[in-house]
Amino acid sequence: MNIAVNARFLSQPVTGTQRFAINISREIKKKQPGTIFLAPPVIKDQALASELEVTIIGKRNYHRYAKLHLPASVLWEQIDLPRWLKKHGRLPLLNLVNLAPLLYSENFVTIHDLAFRLAPHYFAKRFRLYYNCLIPFISRRAKQIITVSHFSKQTIETYLQVPASKVLVAHNAVDLQGWPMSVEKKNKPYPWPYVLAVGSLEPRKNLNRLIAAFKRINDKHVHLVIVGRENPAIFHRTKQTWQEKILFTGPVDDDTLSRLYAHALCLCYPSFHEGFGLPPLEAQAFGCPVIVSNQTSLPEVFLNSALYCDPHDVESIRKNLHEMLTDTTLRQQLVTAGYNNIKRFSWEKSASTILEAMK
């Protein structure tokens, strides 16, 4: 059976949810070459679009929306995408990044988490209102809801009041074949040792407490490198503390990110709320030991392969950093545990789970 994929994610900056969409799409393309990937005419990665043999639709309307200063990407998803599908046999539509056409009846929808509902103070008011209106409606009409952890599955069942049978789990994963591999020791990104933090620059990621904890570390050589994109239209602005030994890189490409993971002393991820927590799993794949929050989905994903901190307690974060930086045996044990942990997850397995549900 042919299916269609809502490839609007190809027009978006790459964060964890887009990485999920990209990798699931690649696996689906391998398994079902006839899958139709439908995207708006503003592709950010032309090579990936060619790999997926993307069909561009709604080009004329999209530019009209943009010229009128309307939310072109949203209108494309709600008007042009379902119109095309209705004209071409009402194919089952796989939506991989939370949203879907409201009035299309053949939706299979991935909802990564309900942070906008469970932790609303981390999100801009307009975004909260938008998601609180759309997500419950989409979830009720969807044929199936996909999510990325059992934690998210339980919250979706509880807060969106949908039966357990309607929500399936398809985990994130890491496949190093899809990453640049220029991580030789001679190719270190910085001449000094560093702790790494990766994620959107927003309060939910708890960077302020991480910075406060790092300032208490008595090591004049170690730096803190923070990688991520800020989007104040969605998230409340994060207070950025620029000072010696703390570096904000902004968003980086995968070649740079892979080298940052491979050469970091550790990755620290003290997030308050996660549907899965992909950056620490990526770090483990590159042999980087990780510190993660003891909240939401993270204990489920990392089991005994990480150090756990209380994200509300600066001293807890500091103690974990100190332990990681001073105990080389512990770091090596966590590197080994991390390599074992990533084996639990597979893009191929997650794609198979989704395709089976769409039969």
Protein backbone atom coordinates (compact mmCIF):
# COMPACT_ATOMS: atom_id res chain seq x y z
CA MET A 1 0.00 0.00 0.00
CA ASN A 2 1.33 3.41 -0.97
CA ILE A 3 1.49 6.11 1.66
CA ALA A 4 2.34 9.81 1.66
CA VAL A 5 4.62 11.65 4.06
CA ASN A 6 4.12 15.26 5.09
CA ALA A 7 7.64 16.53 4.39
CA ARG A 8 7.08 20.06 5.67
CA PHE A 9 9.99 19.30 8.03
CA LEU A 10 12.34 19.83 5.06
CA SER A 11 11.52 23.54 5.24
CA GLN A 12 12.37 23.80 8.96
CA PRO A 13 15.62 24.22 10.91
CA VAL A 14 16.89 20.87 12.18
CA THR A 15 16.23 20.14 15.86
CA GLY A 16 15.47 16.81 17.52
CA THR A 17 11.99 16.48 16.02
CA GLN A 18 13.28 17.13 12.50
CA ARG A 19 16.07 14.57 13.02
CA PHE A 20 13.39 12.02 13.87
CA ALA A 21 11.47 12.95 10.71
CA ILE A 22 14.56 12.79 8.50
CA ASN A 23 15.75 9.41 9.72
CA ILE A 24 12.32 7.78 9.75
CA SER A 25 11.76 9.08 6.22
CA ARG A 26 15.04 7.59 5.02
CA GLU A 27 14.13 4.19 6.45
CA ILE A 28 10.63 4.31 4.97
CA LYS A 29 12.10 5.21 1.59
CA LYS A 30 14.28 2.08 1.78
CA LYS A 31 11.39 -0.14 2.83
CA GLN A 32 8.73 1.34 0.56
CA PRO A 33 10.35 3.09 -2.40
CA GLY A 34 6.95 4.12 -3.74
CA THR A 35 6.24 6.37 -0.74
CA ILE A 36 5.34 9.91 -1.82
CA PHE A 37 7.07 12.72 0.10
CA LEU A 38 5.18 16.00 -0.24
CA ALA A 39 6.86 19.31 0.62
CA PRO A 40 6.39 23.06 0.22
CA PRO A 41 8.69 24.97 -2.18
CA VAL A 42 11.19 26.15 0.47
CA ILE A 43 13.53 23.18 0.94
CA LYS A 44 16.55 23.74 3.21
CA ASP A 45 18.42 20.55 2.24
CA GLN A 46 18.19 19.92 -1.50
CA ALA A 47 20.39 16.82 -1.31
CA LEU A 48 18.03 15.20 1.19
CA ALA A 49 15.00 16.20 -0.90
CA SER A 50 16.60 14.52 -3.92
CA GLU A 51 17.37 11.40 -1.86
CA LEU A 52 13.71 11.15 -0.85
CA GLU A 53 12.51 12.09 -4.37
CA VAL A 54 10.31 14.78 -2.90
CA THR A 55 7.28 16.12 -4.78
CA ILE A 56 6.90 19.90 -4.42
CA ILE A 57 3.26 21.01 -4.29
CA GLY A 58 1.39 24.29 -3.76
CA LYS A 59 4.20 26.44 -5.15
CA ARG A 60 2.00 29.22 -6.52
CA ASN A 61 -0.19 29.45 -3.41
CA TYR A 62 2.79 29.34 -1.07
CA HIS A 63 4.31 32.42 -2.65
CA ARG A 64 0.93 34.16 -2.57
CA TYR A 65 0.66 33.50 1.16
CA ALA A 66 4.17 34.82 1.73
CA LYS A 67 3.53 37.93 -0.36
CA LEU A 68 0.47 38.69 1.79
CA HIS A 69 2.59 38.21 4.96
CA LEU A 70 0.53 35.18 5.98
CA PRO A 71 2.00 32.08 7.69
CA ALA A 72 2.75 30.35 4.41
CA SER A 73 4.05 27.07 5.82
CA VAL A 74 1.01 26.63 8.08
CA LEU A 75 -1.43 27.43 5.27
CA TRP A 76 0.38 25.06 2.93
CA GLU A 77 -0.08 22.26 5.47
CA GLN A 78 -3.74 23.05 6.12
CA ILE A 79 -4.88 23.88 2.56
CA ASP A 80 -2.56 22.76 -0.23
CA LEU A 81 -1.44 19.45 1.26
CA PRO A 82 -4.92 18.01 1.96
CA ARG A 83 -6.21 19.37 -1.38
CA TRP A 84 -3.49 17.45 -3.23
CA LEU A 85 -4.16 14.29 -1.23
CA LYS A 86 -7.90 14.39 -1.89
CA LYS A 87 -7.22 14.68 -5.61
CA HIS A 88 -4.83 11.71 -5.57
CA GLY A 89 -6.80 8.98 -3.84
CA ARG A 90 -6.78 10.06 -0.18
CA LEU A 91 -3.54 8.25 0.68
CA PRO A 92 -2.69 7.56 4.33
CA LEU A 93 -0.61 10.54 5.45
CA LEU A 94 2.29 10.19 7.89
CA ASN A 95 2.98 13.40 9.83
CA LEU A 96 6.29 13.33 11.72
CA VAL A 97 6.57 16.70 13.51
CA ASN A 98 3.53 17.15 15.78
CA LEU A 99 1.06 18.85 13.41
CA ALA A 100 -1.13 17.63 10.55
CA PRO A 101 -3.91 18.87 8.24
CA LEU A 102 -6.89 19.41 10.55
CA LEU A 103 -9.61 18.35 8.14
CA TYR A 104 -7.90 15.37 6.52
CA SER A 105 -9.29 12.03 7.69
CA GLU A 106 -6.32 9.73 6.96
CA ASN A 107 -3.73 11.17 9.33
CA PHE A 108 -1.11 9.21 11.24
CA VAL A 109 0.44 11.79 13.57
CA THR A 110 3.69 11.88 15.57
CA ILE A 111 3.33 13.90 18.79
CA HIS A 112 6.76 14.05 20.37
CA ASP A 113 5.69 15.38 23.78
CA LEU A 114 3.15 17.54 25.57
CA ALA A 115 5.61 20.03 27.04
CA PHE A 116 3.41 22.90 25.83
CA ARG A 117 0.65 21.51 28.11
CA LEU A 118 2.71 20.14 31.02
CA ALA A 119 5.24 22.99 31.20
CA PRO A 120 3.46 25.92 29.52
CA HIS A 121 5.58 28.62 31.19
CA TYR A 122 8.50 27.68 28.94
CA PHE A 123 6.63 28.61 25.77
CA ALA A 124 5.48 31.86 24.19
CA LYS A 125 1.77 32.56 24.70
CA ARG A 126 0.89 32.47 20.99
CA PHE A 127 2.61 29.11 20.52
CA ARG A 128 0.86 27.65 23.59
CA LEU A 129 -2.54 28.75 22.35
CA TYR A 130 -1.86 27.41 18.86
CA TYR A 131 -0.77 23.97 20.06
CA ASN A 132 -3.46 23.72 22.72
CA CYS A 133 -6.08 24.30 20.04
CA LEU A 134 -4.64 22.07 17.33
CA ILE A 135 -3.07 19.08 19.08
CA PRO A 136 -6.22 17.82 20.90
CA PHE A 137 -8.28 18.16 17.71
CA ILE A 138 -5.65 16.41 15.58
CA SER A 139 -5.22 13.61 18.12
CA ARG A 140 -8.96 12.87 18.23
CA ARG A 141 -9.21 12.61 14.44
CA ALA A 142 -5.96 10.73 13.84
CA LYS A 143 -6.03 7.10 12.80
CA GLN A 144 -2.99 6.50 15.01
CA ILE A 145 -0.73 8.59 17.25
CA ILE A 146 2.99 7.90 17.27
CA THR A 147 5.30 9.12 20.01
CA VAL A 148 8.93 8.62 20.98
CA SER A 149 8.90 7.28 24.56
CA HIS A 150 6.64 5.48 27.00
CA PHE A 151 6.69 8.60 29.16
CA SER A 152 5.19 10.61 26.29
CA LYS A 153 2.73 7.82 25.54
CA GLN A 154 1.41 7.92 29.11
CA THR A 155 1.06 11.71 29.12
CA ILE A 156 -0.72 11.68 25.75
CA GLU A 157 -3.19 9.05 26.97
CA THR A 158 -3.82 11.00 30.17
CA TYR A 159 -3.99 14.58 28.98
CA LEU A 160 -5.45 14.09 25.51
CA GLN A 161 -7.79 11.34 26.75
CA VAL A 162 -7.11 8.85 24.00
CA PRO A 163 -7.10 5.06 24.46
CA ALA A 164 -3.78 3.29 24.96
CA SER A 165 -4.34 1.24 21.79
CA LYS A 166 -4.27 4.42 19.71
CA VAL A 167 -0.75 5.47 20.83
CA LEU A 168 2.33 3.56 19.75
CA VAL A 169 5.98 4.16 20.61
CA ALA A 170 8.63 4.53 17.89
CA HIS A 171 11.86 5.62 19.56
CA ASN A 172 14.52 7.97 18.35
CA ALA A 173 17.88 6.39 17.54
CA VAL A 174 21.36 7.22 16.27
CA ASP A 175 22.86 5.89 13.04
CA LEU A 176 26.47 6.97 12.59
CA GLN A 177 26.32 6.11 8.88
CA GLY A 178 24.27 9.25 8.44
CA TRP A 179 26.89 11.45 10.15
CA PRO A 180 30.10 13.01 8.84
CA MET A 181 33.03 11.05 10.24
CA SER A 182 35.83 13.63 10.48
CA VAL A 183 36.43 13.02 14.18
CA GLU A 184 40.09 12.03 14.24
CA LYS A 185 42.01 13.11 17.33
CA LYS A 186 44.02 15.60 15.27
CA ASN A 187 40.79 17.34 14.35
CA LYS A 188 39.82 18.67 17.79
CA PRO A 189 37.51 21.69 17.62
CA TYR A 190 39.27 23.56 20.46
CA PRO A 191 42.74 23.45 22.08
CA TRP A 192 41.27 23.26 25.60
CA PRO A 193 39.07 20.64 27.33
CA TYR A 194 35.35 21.39 27.47
CA VAL A 195 31.96 20.34 28.77
CA LEU A 196 29.34 20.32 26.01
CA ALA A 197 25.65 21.30 26.09
CA VAL A 198 23.43 20.82 23.03
CA GLY A 199 19.83 21.94 22.55
CA SER A 200 17.59 24.85 21.70
CA LEU A 201 18.47 27.95 23.71
CA GLU A 202 15.32 28.08 25.80
CA PRO A 203 14.51 27.96 29.52
CA ARG A 204 13.26 24.35 29.40
CA LYS A 205 16.84 23.23 28.68
CA ASN A 206 17.94 24.78 32.00
CA LEU A 207 21.09 26.47 30.72
CA ASN A 208 21.05 29.11 33.44
CA ARG A 209 21.50 26.49 36.17
CA LEU A 210 24.09 24.65 34.10
CA ILE A 211 26.06 27.88 33.76
CA ALA A 212 25.72 28.57 37.49
CA ALA A 213 26.97 25.06 38.28
CA PHE A 214 29.86 25.37 35.83
CA LYS A 215 30.98 28.62 37.49
CA ARG A 216 31.44 26.66 40.73
CA ILE A 217 33.87 24.23 39.08
CA ASN A 218 37.40 25.04 40.21
CA ASP A 219 39.26 24.22 37.01
CA LYS A 220 40.87 27.08 35.09
CA HIS A 221 41.35 24.98 31.94
CA VAL A 222 37.89 23.51 31.31
CA HIS A 223 35.42 25.50 29.19
CA LEU A 224 31.67 25.19 28.64
CA VAL A 225 30.53 25.03 25.00
CA ILE A 226 26.80 25.56 24.38
CA VAL A 227 25.38 24.64 20.96
CA GLY A 228 21.88 25.57 19.88
CA ARG A 229 19.44 27.82 18.12
CA GLU A 230 17.27 30.41 19.85
CA ASN A 231 13.67 30.87 18.66
CA PRO A 232 11.94 33.49 20.84
CA ALA A 233 8.79 33.20 18.70
CA ILE A 234 8.26 29.76 20.29
CA PHE A 235 10.21 29.79 23.52
CA HIS A 236 10.74 32.48 26.12
CA ARG A 237 14.13 34.06 25.62
CA THR A 238 16.97 32.47 27.53
CA LYS A 239 19.30 34.73 29.46
CA GLN A 240 22.72 34.20 27.89
CA THR A 241 25.71 34.79 30.13
CA TRP A 242 28.73 35.62 28.00
CA GLN A 243 32.01 35.38 29.85
CA GLU A 244 35.44 33.87 29.63
CA LYS A 245 35.38 30.05 29.41
CA ILE A 246 31.71 29.95 28.28
CA LEU A 247 31.12 29.82 24.53
CA PHE A 248 27.76 29.99 22.71
CA THR A 249 28.32 28.66 19.18
CA GLY A 250 24.79 29.09 17.81
CA PRO A 251 23.58 26.32 15.48
CA VAL A 252 26.32 24.21 13.86
CA ASP A 253 26.41 21.72 10.99
CA ASP A 254 26.62 17.98 11.60
CA ASP A 255 30.34 17.82 10.80
CA THR A 256 31.07 20.34 13.56
CA LEU A 257 28.60 18.73 15.96
CA SER A 258 30.10 15.28 15.48
CA ARG A 259 33.57 16.64 16.36
CA LEU A 260 32.18 18.47 19.38
CA TYR A 261 30.59 15.26 20.65
CA ALA A 262 33.67 13.14 19.97
CA HIS A 263 36.14 15.38 21.83
CA ALA A 264 34.06 16.64 24.78
CA LEU A 265 34.90 15.59 28.32
CA CYS A 266 31.19 15.03 28.77
CA LEU A 267 27.79 16.31 27.68
CA CYS A 268 25.54 17.86 30.34
CA TYR A 269 21.79 17.87 29.64
CA PRO A 270 19.89 19.07 32.74
CA SER A 271 16.59 19.60 30.93
CA PHE A 272 13.34 20.04 32.86
CA HIS A 273 11.14 18.28 30.32
CA GLU A 274 11.89 15.94 27.39
CA GLY A 275 9.81 13.65 25.25
CA PHE A 276 12.95 11.62 24.54
CA GLY A 277 16.28 13.50 24.75
CA LEU A 278 18.15 12.89 21.50
CA PRO A 279 21.38 14.92 22.00
CA PRO A 280 22.68 12.76 24.89
CA LEU A 281 22.01 9.61 22.82
CA GLU A 282 23.94 11.15 19.92
CA ALA A 283 26.76 12.01 22.33
CA GLN A 284 26.91 8.39 23.54
CA ALA A 285 27.25 7.21 19.94
CA PHE A 286 30.41 9.33 19.62
CA GLY A 287 31.92 8.01 22.84
CA CYS A 288 30.99 10.98 24.99
CA PRO A 289 29.83 10.26 28.58
CA VAL A 290 26.66 12.09 29.61
CA ILE A 291 24.97 13.76 32.57
CA VAL A 292 21.20 14.02 32.23
CA SER A 293 18.26 15.22 34.26
CA ASN A 294 16.37 12.71 36.40
CA GLN A 295 13.05 14.04 35.05
CA THR A 296 10.40 12.93 32.51
CA SER A 297 11.61 10.54 29.76
CA LEU A 298 15.35 10.67 30.44
CA PRO A 299 15.65 7.82 33.02
CA GLU A 300 13.65 5.60 30.63
CA VAL A 301 15.99 6.36 27.73
CA PHE A 302 19.35 6.22 29.54
CA LEU A 303 18.83 3.65 32.30
CA ASN A 304 22.23 3.07 33.98
CA SER A 305 24.32 4.59 31.18
CA ALA A 306 24.39 8.17 32.51
CA LEU A 307 24.90 10.23 35.65
CA TYR A 308 21.64 11.81 36.85
CA CYS A 309 21.20 15.28 38.30
CA ASP A 310 18.29 17.13 39.87
CA PRO A 311 17.67 19.90 37.30
CA HIS A 312 16.25 22.21 39.98
CA ASP A 313 19.40 22.00 42.12
CA VAL A 314 22.55 23.82 40.95
CA GLU A 315 24.65 21.93 43.50
CA SER A 316 23.44 18.57 42.14
CA ILE A 317 24.53 19.60 38.65
CA ARG A 318 27.89 20.83 40.01
CA LYS A 319 28.56 17.59 41.89
CA ASN A 320 27.92 15.54 38.76
CA LEU A 321 30.17 17.79 36.69
CA HIS A 322 32.93 17.56 39.30
CA GLU A 323 32.65 13.78 39.47
CA MET A 324 32.72 13.45 35.69
CA LEU A 325 35.71 15.79 35.27
CA THR A 326 37.85 14.25 38.01
CA ASP A 327 37.15 10.51 37.66
CA THR A 328 38.60 9.11 34.42
CA THR A 329 37.56 5.56 35.33
CA LEU A 330 33.95 6.66 35.70
CA ARG A 331 34.08 8.46 32.37
CA GLN A 332 35.33 5.33 30.61
CA GLN A 333 32.68 3.18 32.31
CA LEU A 334 29.99 5.57 31.07
CA VAL A 335 31.46 5.59 27.56
CA THR A 336 31.13 1.78 27.47
CA ALA A 337 27.62 1.91 28.97
CA GLY A 338 26.67 4.54 26.39
CA TYR A 339 27.78 2.35 23.49
CA ASN A 340 25.62 -0.44 24.90
CA ASN A 341 22.68 1.88 25.46
CA ILE A 342 22.46 3.12 21.86
CA LYS A 343 22.09 -0.49 20.68
CA ARG A 344 18.62 -0.53 22.26
CA PHE A 345 17.35 1.91 19.62
CA SER A 346 17.08 1.57 15.85
CA TRP A 347 15.63 3.83 13.14
CA GLU A 348 14.90 0.70 11.11
CA LYS A 349 12.89 -0.83 13.94
CA SER A 350 10.98 2.40 14.58
CA ALA A 351 10.14 2.81 10.89
CA SER A 352 8.91 -0.81 10.76
CA THR A 353 6.67 -0.16 13.77
CA ILE A 354 5.14 2.87 12.04
CA LEU A 355 4.62 1.11 8.69
CA GLU A 356 3.00 -1.87 10.39
CA ALA A 357 0.51 0.47 12.07
CA MET A 358 -0.33 2.11 8.73
CA LYS A 359 -1.32 -1.14 6.99
